[in-house]
Amino acid sequence: GSALSIAHETKLPLAGISRSPDVTKPLESL
């Protein structure tokens, strides 16, 4: 909730998210 609220308040588009410290696990588009 905090990340989404920050993006909404600052009007910055969401680009993607990293959900693993493994470099072979790609970033995920949002």
Full PDB file with SEQRES, HELIX, SHEET, SSBOND, CRYST1, ORIGX, SCALE, CONECT and MASTER records, all heavy atoms in Angstrom:
SEQRES   1 A   30  GLY SER ALA LEU SER ILE ALA HIS GLU THR LYS LEU PRO          
SEQRES   2 A   30  LEU ALA GLY ILE SER ARG SER PRO ASP VAL THR LYS PRO          
SEQRES   3 A   30  LEU GLU SER LEU                                              
HELIX    1 AA1 SER A    2  THR A   10  1                                   9    
SHEET    1 AA1 2 GLY A  16  ILE A  17  0                                        
SHEET    2 AA1 2 GLU A  28  SER A  29 -1                                        
CRYST1    1.000    1.000    1.000  90.00  90.00  90.00 P 1           1          
ORIGX1      1.000000  0.000000  0.000000        0.00000                         
ORIGX2      0.000000  1.000000  0.000000        0.00000                         
ORIGX3      0.000000  0.000000  1.000000        0.00000                         
SCALE1      1.000000  0.000000  0.000000        0.00000                         
SCALE2      0.000000  1.000000  0.000000        0.00000                         
SCALE3      0.000000  0.000000  1.000000        0.00000                         
ATOM      1  N   GLY A   1       0.795  -1.223   0.000  1.00  0.00           N  
ATOM      2  CA  GLY A   1       0.000   0.000   0.000  1.00  0.00           C  
ATOM      3  C   GLY A   1       0.823   1.267   0.000  1.00  0.00           C  
ATOM      4  O   GLY A   1       0.464   2.246  -0.665  1.00  0.00           O  
ATOM      5  N   SER A   2       1.935   1.278   0.732  1.00  0.00           N  
ATOM      6  CA  SER A   2       2.742   2.495   0.793  1.00  0.00           C  
ATOM      7  C   SER A   2       3.354   2.806  -0.566  1.00  0.00           C  
ATOM      8  O   SER A   2       3.350   3.958  -1.018  1.00  0.00           O  
ATOM      9  CB  SER A   2       3.837   2.359   1.858  1.00  0.00           C  
ATOM     10  OG  SER A   2       4.706   1.279   1.569  1.00  0.00           O  
ATOM     11  N   ALA A   3       3.872   1.787  -1.271  1.00  0.00           N  
ATOM     12  CA  ALA A   3       4.485   2.007  -2.578  1.00  0.00           C  
ATOM     13  C   ALA A   3       3.467   2.549  -3.580  1.00  0.00           C  
ATOM     14  O   ALA A   3       3.760   3.481  -4.342  1.00  0.00           O  
ATOM     15  CB  ALA A   3       5.100   0.708  -3.097  1.00  0.00           C  
ATOM     16  N   LEU A   4       2.262   1.987  -3.583  1.00  0.00           N  
ATOM     17  CA  LEU A   4       1.234   2.451  -4.504  1.00  0.00           C  
ATOM     18  C   LEU A   4       0.774   3.861  -4.154  1.00  0.00           C  
ATOM     19  O   LEU A   4       0.530   4.689  -5.040  1.00  0.00           O  
ATOM     20  CB  LEU A   4       0.043   1.492  -4.485  1.00  0.00           C  
ATOM     21  CG  LEU A   4       0.344   0.041  -4.884  1.00  0.00           C  
ATOM     22  CD1 LEU A   4      -0.935  -0.779  -4.885  1.00  0.00           C  
ATOM     23  CD2 LEU A   4       1.019  -0.026  -6.240  1.00  0.00           C  
ATOM     24  N   SER A   5       0.677   4.135  -2.867  1.00  0.00           N  
ATOM     25  CA  SER A   5       0.256   5.472  -2.428  1.00  0.00           C  
ATOM     26  C   SER A   5       1.300   6.518  -2.788  1.00  0.00           C  
ATOM     27  O   SER A   5       0.970   7.646  -3.169  1.00  0.00           O  
ATOM     28  CB  SER A   5       0.002   5.473  -0.915  1.00  0.00           C  
ATOM     29  OG  SER A   5      -1.020   4.553  -0.566  1.00  0.00           O  
ATOM     30  N   ILE A   6       2.579   6.154  -2.674  1.00  0.00           N  
ATOM     31  CA  ILE A   6       3.663   7.069  -3.045  1.00  0.00           C  
ATOM     32  C   ILE A   6       3.597   7.390  -4.533  1.00  0.00           C  
ATOM     33  O   ILE A   6       3.706   8.544  -4.945  1.00  0.00           O  
ATOM     34  CB  ILE A   6       5.027   6.457  -2.676  1.00  0.00           C  
ATOM     35  CG1 ILE A   6       5.204   6.436  -1.150  1.00  0.00           C  
ATOM     36  CG2 ILE A   6       6.181   7.227  -3.330  1.00  0.00           C  
ATOM     37  CD1 ILE A   6       6.365   5.580  -0.683  1.00  0.00           C  
ATOM     38  N   ALA A   7       3.415   6.359  -5.353  1.00  0.00           N  
ATOM     39  CA  ALA A   7       3.332   6.564  -6.800  1.00  0.00           C  
ATOM     40  C   ALA A   7       2.131   7.443  -7.147  1.00  0.00           C  
ATOM     41  O   ALA A   7       2.214   8.326  -8.006  1.00  0.00           O  
ATOM     42  CB  ALA A   7       3.237   5.223  -7.520  1.00  0.00           C  
ATOM     43  N   HIS A   8       1.006   7.209  -6.482  1.00  0.00           N  
ATOM     44  CA  HIS A   8      -0.198   7.991  -6.749  1.00  0.00           C  
ATOM     45  C   HIS A   8      -0.019   9.441  -6.323  1.00  0.00           C  
ATOM     46  O   HIS A   8      -0.364  10.369  -7.059  1.00  0.00           O  
ATOM     47  CB  HIS A   8      -1.391   7.377  -6.009  1.00  0.00           C  
ATOM     48  CG  HIS A   8      -2.646   8.178  -6.104  1.00  0.00           C  
ATOM     49  ND1 HIS A   8      -3.060   9.021  -5.093  1.00  0.00           N  
ATOM     50  CD2 HIS A   8      -3.573   8.298  -7.094  1.00  0.00           C  
ATOM     51  CE1 HIS A   8      -4.190   9.600  -5.441  1.00  0.00           C  
ATOM     52  NE2 HIS A   8      -4.529   9.182  -6.647  1.00  0.00           N  
ATOM     53  N   GLU A   9       0.539   9.650  -5.135  1.00  0.00           N  
ATOM     54  CA  GLU A   9       0.682  11.014  -4.617  1.00  0.00           C  
ATOM     55  C   GLU A   9       1.660  11.838  -5.439  1.00  0.00           C  
ATOM     56  O   GLU A   9       1.451  13.027  -5.660  1.00  0.00           O  
ATOM     57  CB  GLU A   9       1.123  10.970  -3.154  1.00  0.00           C  
ATOM     58  CG  GLU A   9       1.243  12.341  -2.504  1.00  0.00           C  
ATOM     59  CD  GLU A   9       1.474  12.269  -1.006  1.00  0.00           C  
ATOM     60  OE1 GLU A   9       0.974  11.318  -0.368  1.00  0.00           O  
ATOM     61  OE2 GLU A   9       2.156  13.160  -0.475  1.00  0.00           O  
ATOM     62  N   THR A  10       2.744  11.206  -5.894  1.00  0.00           N  
ATOM     63  CA  THR A  10       3.764  11.938  -6.655  1.00  0.00           C  
ATOM     64  C   THR A  10       3.499  11.927  -8.152  1.00  0.00           C  
ATOM     65  O   THR A  10       4.240  12.551  -8.916  1.00  0.00           O  
ATOM     66  CB  THR A  10       5.154  11.342  -6.391  1.00  0.00           C  
ATOM     67  OG1 THR A  10       5.169   9.954  -6.761  1.00  0.00           O  
ATOM     68  CG2 THR A  10       5.536  11.472  -4.926  1.00  0.00           C  
ATOM     69  N   LYS A  11       2.450  11.192  -8.568  1.00  0.00           N  
ATOM     70  CA  LYS A  11       2.087  11.080  -9.990  1.00  0.00           C  
ATOM     71  C   LYS A  11       3.228  10.497 -10.831  1.00  0.00           C  
ATOM     72  O   LYS A  11       3.389  10.836 -12.011  1.00  0.00           O  
ATOM     73  CB  LYS A  11       1.647  12.435 -10.557  1.00  0.00           C  
ATOM     74  CG  LYS A  11       0.371  12.974  -9.921  1.00  0.00           C  
ATOM     75  CD  LYS A  11      -0.033  14.305 -10.528  1.00  0.00           C  
ATOM     76  CE  LYS A  11      -1.412  14.751 -10.037  1.00  0.00           C  
ATOM     77  NZ  LYS A  11      -1.469  14.888  -8.570  1.00  0.00           N  
ATOM     78  N   LEU A  12       4.004   9.613 -10.224  1.00  0.00           N  
ATOM     79  CA  LEU A  12       5.059   8.913 -10.953  1.00  0.00           C  
ATOM     80  C   LEU A  12       4.531   7.556 -11.422  1.00  0.00           C  
ATOM     81  O   LEU A  12       4.037   6.770 -10.610  1.00  0.00           O  
ATOM     82  CB  LEU A  12       6.287   8.709 -10.067  1.00  0.00           C  
ATOM     83  CG  LEU A  12       7.259   9.880  -9.965  1.00  0.00           C  
ATOM     84  CD1 LEU A  12       8.284   9.629  -8.856  1.00  0.00           C  
ATOM     85  CD2 LEU A  12       7.964  10.115 -11.293  1.00  0.00           C  
ATOM     86  N   PRO A  13       4.612   7.240 -12.698  1.00  0.00           N  
ATOM     87  CA  PRO A  13       4.140   5.947 -13.198  1.00  0.00           C  
ATOM     88  C   PRO A  13       4.946   4.787 -12.606  1.00  0.00           C  
ATOM     89  O   PRO A  13       6.137   4.929 -12.314  1.00  0.00           O  
ATOM     90  CB  PRO A  13       4.368   6.047 -14.711  1.00  0.00           C  
ATOM     91  CG  PRO A  13       4.468   7.511 -14.999  1.00  0.00           C  
ATOM     92  CD  PRO A  13       5.094   8.114 -13.785  1.00  0.00           C  
ATOM     93  N   LEU A  14       4.285   3.654 -12.444  1.00  0.00           N  
ATOM     94  CA  LEU A  14       4.958   2.439 -11.995  1.00  0.00           C  
ATOM     95  C   LEU A  14       5.563   1.737 -13.204  1.00  0.00           C  
ATOM     96  O   LEU A  14       4.885   1.521 -14.209  1.00  0.00           O  
ATOM     97  CB  LEU A  14       3.970   1.508 -11.292  1.00  0.00           C  
ATOM     98  CG  LEU A  14       3.471   1.978  -9.928  1.00  0.00           C  
ATOM     99  CD1 LEU A  14       2.302   1.113  -9.464  1.00  0.00           C  
ATOM    100  CD2 LEU A  14       4.592   1.946  -8.901  1.00  0.00           C  
ATOM    101  N   ALA A  15       6.847   1.383 -13.093  1.00  0.00           N  
ATOM    102  CA  ALA A  15       7.546   0.751 -14.217  1.00  0.00           C  
ATOM    103  C   ALA A  15       7.646  -0.759 -14.049  1.00  0.00           C  
ATOM    104  O   ALA A  15       7.455  -1.514 -14.993  1.00  0.00           O  
ATOM    105  CB  ALA A  15       8.937   1.354 -14.364  1.00  0.00           C  
ATOM    106  N   GLY A  16       7.984  -1.218 -12.854  1.00  0.00           N  
ATOM    107  CA  GLY A  16       8.177  -2.650 -12.645  1.00  0.00           C  
ATOM    108  C   GLY A  16       8.531  -2.932 -11.204  1.00  0.00           C  
ATOM    109  O   GLY A  16       8.557  -2.031 -10.356  1.00  0.00           O  
ATOM    110  N   ILE A  17       8.815  -4.206 -10.921  1.00  0.00           N  
ATOM    111  CA  ILE A  17       9.145  -4.610  -9.563  1.00  0.00           C  
ATOM    112  C   ILE A  17      10.137  -5.765  -9.594  1.00  0.00           C  
ATOM    113  O   ILE A  17      10.082  -6.627 -10.478  1.00  0.00           O  
ATOM    114  CB  ILE A  17       7.866  -5.014  -8.782  1.00  0.00           C  
ATOM    115  CG1 ILE A  17       8.198  -5.306  -7.314  1.00  0.00           C  
ATOM    116  CG2 ILE A  17       7.183  -6.218  -9.426  1.00  0.00           C  
ATOM    117  CD1 ILE A  17       6.954  -5.480  -6.442  1.00  0.00           C  
ATOM    118  N   SER A  18      11.041  -5.777  -8.636  1.00  0.00           N  
ATOM    119  CA  SER A  18      11.972  -6.889  -8.440  1.00  0.00           C  
ATOM    120  C   SER A  18      11.493  -7.699  -7.250  1.00  0.00           C  
ATOM    121  O   SER A  18      11.268  -7.144  -6.173  1.00  0.00           O  
ATOM    122  CB  SER A  18      13.387  -6.365  -8.186  1.00  0.00           C  
ATOM    123  OG  SER A  18      14.255  -7.443  -7.850  1.00  0.00           O  
ATOM    124  N   ARG A  19      11.348  -9.013  -7.450  1.00  0.00           N  
ATOM    125  CA  ARG A  19      10.850  -9.849  -6.351  1.00  0.00           C  
ATOM    126  C   ARG A  19      11.776 -11.022  -6.069  1.00  0.00           C  
ATOM    127  O   ARG A  19      11.347 -12.061  -5.567  1.00  0.00           O  
ATOM    128  CB  ARG A  19       9.437 -10.342  -6.671  1.00  0.00           C  
ATOM    129  CG  ARG A  19       8.415  -9.234  -6.682  1.00  0.00           C  
ATOM    130  CD  ARG A  19       7.028  -9.714  -6.364  1.00  0.00           C  
ATOM    131  NE  ARG A  19       6.366 -10.342  -7.495  1.00  0.00           N  
ATOM    132  CZ  ARG A  19       5.161 -10.899  -7.447  1.00  0.00           C  
ATOM    133  NH1 ARG A  19       4.490 -10.902  -6.318  1.00  0.00           N  
ATOM    134  NH2 ARG A  19       4.635 -11.437  -8.522  1.00  0.00           N  
ATOM    135  N   SER A  20      13.067 -10.843  -6.380  1.00  0.00           N  
ATOM    136  CA  SER A  20      14.047 -11.881  -6.080  1.00  0.00           C  
ATOM    137  C   SER A  20      15.444 -11.271  -6.103  1.00  0.00           C  
ATOM    138  O   SER A  20      15.741 -10.424  -6.951  1.00  0.00           O  
ATOM    139  CB  SER A  20      13.964 -13.016  -7.101  1.00  0.00           C  
ATOM    140  OG  SER A  20      15.050 -13.917  -6.942  1.00  0.00           O  
ATOM    141  N   PRO A  21      16.338 -11.698  -5.184  1.00  0.00           N  
ATOM    142  CA  PRO A  21      17.718 -11.225  -5.222  1.00  0.00           C  
ATOM    143  C   PRO A  21      18.556 -11.957  -6.268  1.00  0.00           C  
ATOM    144  O   PRO A  21      19.709 -11.607  -6.503  1.00  0.00           O  
ATOM    145  CB  PRO A  21      18.220 -11.522  -3.803  1.00  0.00           C  
ATOM    146  CG  PRO A  21      17.421 -12.717  -3.377  1.00  0.00           C  
ATOM    147  CD  PRO A  21      16.065 -12.533  -4.000  1.00  0.00           C  
ATOM    148  N   ASP A  22      17.957 -12.953  -6.913  1.00  0.00           N  
ATOM    149  CA  ASP A  22      18.651 -13.749  -7.929  1.00  0.00           C  
ATOM    150  C   ASP A  22      18.712 -12.962  -9.233  1.00  0.00           C  
ATOM    151  O   ASP A  22      17.682 -12.566  -9.782  1.00  0.00           O  
ATOM    152  CB  ASP A  22      17.905 -15.069  -8.139  1.00  0.00           C  
ATOM    153  CG  ASP A  22      18.643 -16.027  -9.066  1.00  0.00           C  
ATOM    154  OD1 ASP A  22      19.570 -15.591  -9.771  1.00  0.00           O  
ATOM    155  OD2 ASP A  22      18.277 -17.221  -9.084  1.00  0.00           O  
ATOM    156  N   VAL A  23      19.921 -12.724  -9.734  1.00  0.00           N  
ATOM    157  CA  VAL A  23      20.076 -11.913 -10.943  1.00  0.00           C  
ATOM    158  C   VAL A  23      19.448 -12.567 -12.166  1.00  0.00           C  
ATOM    159  O   VAL A  23      19.110 -11.889 -13.144  1.00  0.00           O  
ATOM    160  CB  VAL A  23      21.577 -11.625 -11.190  1.00  0.00           C  
ATOM    161  CG1 VAL A  23      22.288 -12.894 -11.650  1.00  0.00           C  
ATOM    162  CG2 VAL A  23      21.769 -10.505 -12.199  1.00  0.00           C  
ATOM    163  N   THR A  24      19.258 -13.874 -12.133  1.00  0.00           N  
ATOM    164  CA  THR A  24      18.642 -14.563 -13.278  1.00  0.00           C  
ATOM    165  C   THR A  24      17.117 -14.478 -13.263  1.00  0.00           C  
ATOM    166  O   THR A  24      16.474 -14.864 -14.240  1.00  0.00           O  
ATOM    167  CB  THR A  24      19.057 -16.049 -13.315  1.00  0.00           C  
ATOM    168  OG1 THR A  24      18.554 -16.711 -12.147  1.00  0.00           O  
ATOM    169  CG2 THR A  24      20.568 -16.186 -13.380  1.00  0.00           C  
ATOM    170  N   LYS A  25      16.558 -14.020 -12.138  1.00  0.00           N  
ATOM    171  CA  LYS A  25      15.101 -13.838 -12.060  1.00  0.00           C  
ATOM    172  C   LYS A  25      14.783 -12.422 -12.538  1.00  0.00           C  
ATOM    173  O   LYS A  25      15.138 -11.452 -11.871  1.00  0.00           O  
ATOM    174  CB  LYS A  25      14.602 -14.035 -10.624  1.00  0.00           C  
ATOM    175  CG  LYS A  25      14.845 -15.419 -10.055  1.00  0.00           C  
ATOM    176  CD  LYS A  25      13.999 -16.460 -10.756  1.00  0.00           C  
ATOM    177  CE  LYS A  25      14.256 -17.860 -10.189  1.00  0.00           C  
ATOM    178  NZ  LYS A  25      13.902 -17.968  -8.754  1.00  0.00           N  
ATOM    179  N   PRO A  26      14.162 -12.272 -13.687  1.00  0.00           N  
ATOM    180  CA  PRO A  26      13.982 -10.941 -14.283  1.00  0.00           C  
ATOM    181  C   PRO A  26      13.052 -10.040 -13.481  1.00  0.00           C  
ATOM    182  O   PRO A  26      12.252 -10.514 -12.663  1.00  0.00           O  
ATOM    183  CB  PRO A  26      13.401 -11.257 -15.661  1.00  0.00           C  
ATOM    184  CG  PRO A  26      12.702 -12.563 -15.484  1.00  0.00           C  
ATOM    185  CD  PRO A  26      13.540 -13.331 -14.494  1.00  0.00           C  
ATOM    186  N   LEU A  27      13.181  -8.752 -13.731  1.00  0.00           N  
ATOM    187  CA  LEU A  27      12.227  -7.795 -13.191  1.00  0.00           C  
ATOM    188  C   LEU A  27      10.863  -8.057 -13.812  1.00  0.00           C  
ATOM    189  O   LEU A  27      10.760  -8.582 -14.920  1.00  0.00           O  
ATOM    190  CB  LEU A  27      12.667  -6.361 -13.515  1.00  0.00           C  
ATOM    191  CG  LEU A  27      14.058  -5.938 -13.031  1.00  0.00           C  
ATOM    192  CD1 LEU A  27      14.376  -4.533 -13.539  1.00  0.00           C  
ATOM    193  CD2 LEU A  27      14.143  -5.984 -11.519  1.00  0.00           C  
ATOM    194  N   GLU A  28       9.822  -7.708 -13.110  1.00  0.00           N  
ATOM    195  CA  GLU A  28       8.463  -7.909 -13.601  1.00  0.00           C  
ATOM    196  C   GLU A  28       7.842  -6.560 -13.936  1.00  0.00           C  
ATOM    197  O   GLU A  28       7.896  -5.626 -13.133  1.00  0.00           O  
ATOM    198  CB  GLU A  28       7.609  -8.617 -12.548  1.00  0.00           C  
ATOM    199  CG  GLU A  28       8.158  -9.973 -12.128  1.00  0.00           C  
ATOM    200  CD  GLU A  28       7.406 -10.551 -10.942  1.00  0.00           C  
ATOM    201  OE1 GLU A  28       6.206 -10.215 -10.791  1.00  0.00           O  
ATOM    202  OE2 GLU A  28       8.006 -11.308 -10.163  1.00  0.00           O  
ATOM    203  N   SER A  29       7.272  -6.447 -15.133  1.00  0.00           N  
ATOM    204  CA  SER A  29       6.582  -5.214 -15.495  1.00  0.00           C  
ATOM    205  C   SER A  29       5.317  -5.066 -14.659  1.00  0.00           C  
ATOM    206  O   SER A  29       4.685  -6.050 -14.287  1.00  0.00           O  
ATOM    207  CB  SER A  29       6.212  -5.220 -16.987  1.00  0.00           C  
ATOM    208  OG  SER A  29       7.354  -5.104 -17.796  1.00  0.00           O  
ATOM    209  N   LEU A  30       4.960  -3.828 -14.380  1.00  0.00           N  
ATOM    210  CA  LEU A  30       3.724  -3.552 -13.656  1.00  0.00           C  
ATOM    211  C   LEU A  30       2.726  -2.879 -14.595  1.00  0.00           C  
ATOM    212  O   LEU A  30       3.059  -1.932 -15.302  1.00  0.00           O  
ATOM    213  CB  LEU A  30       3.993  -2.663 -12.439  1.00  0.00           C  
ATOM    214  CG  LEU A  30       4.664  -3.345 -11.250  1.00  0.00           C  
ATOM    215  CD1 LEU A  30       4.909  -2.351 -10.121  1.00  0.00           C  
ATOM    216  CD2 LEU A  30       3.831  -4.526 -10.742  1.00  0.00           C  
TER     217      LEU A  30                                                      
MASTER        0    0    0    1    2    0    0    6  216    1    0    3          
END                                                                             
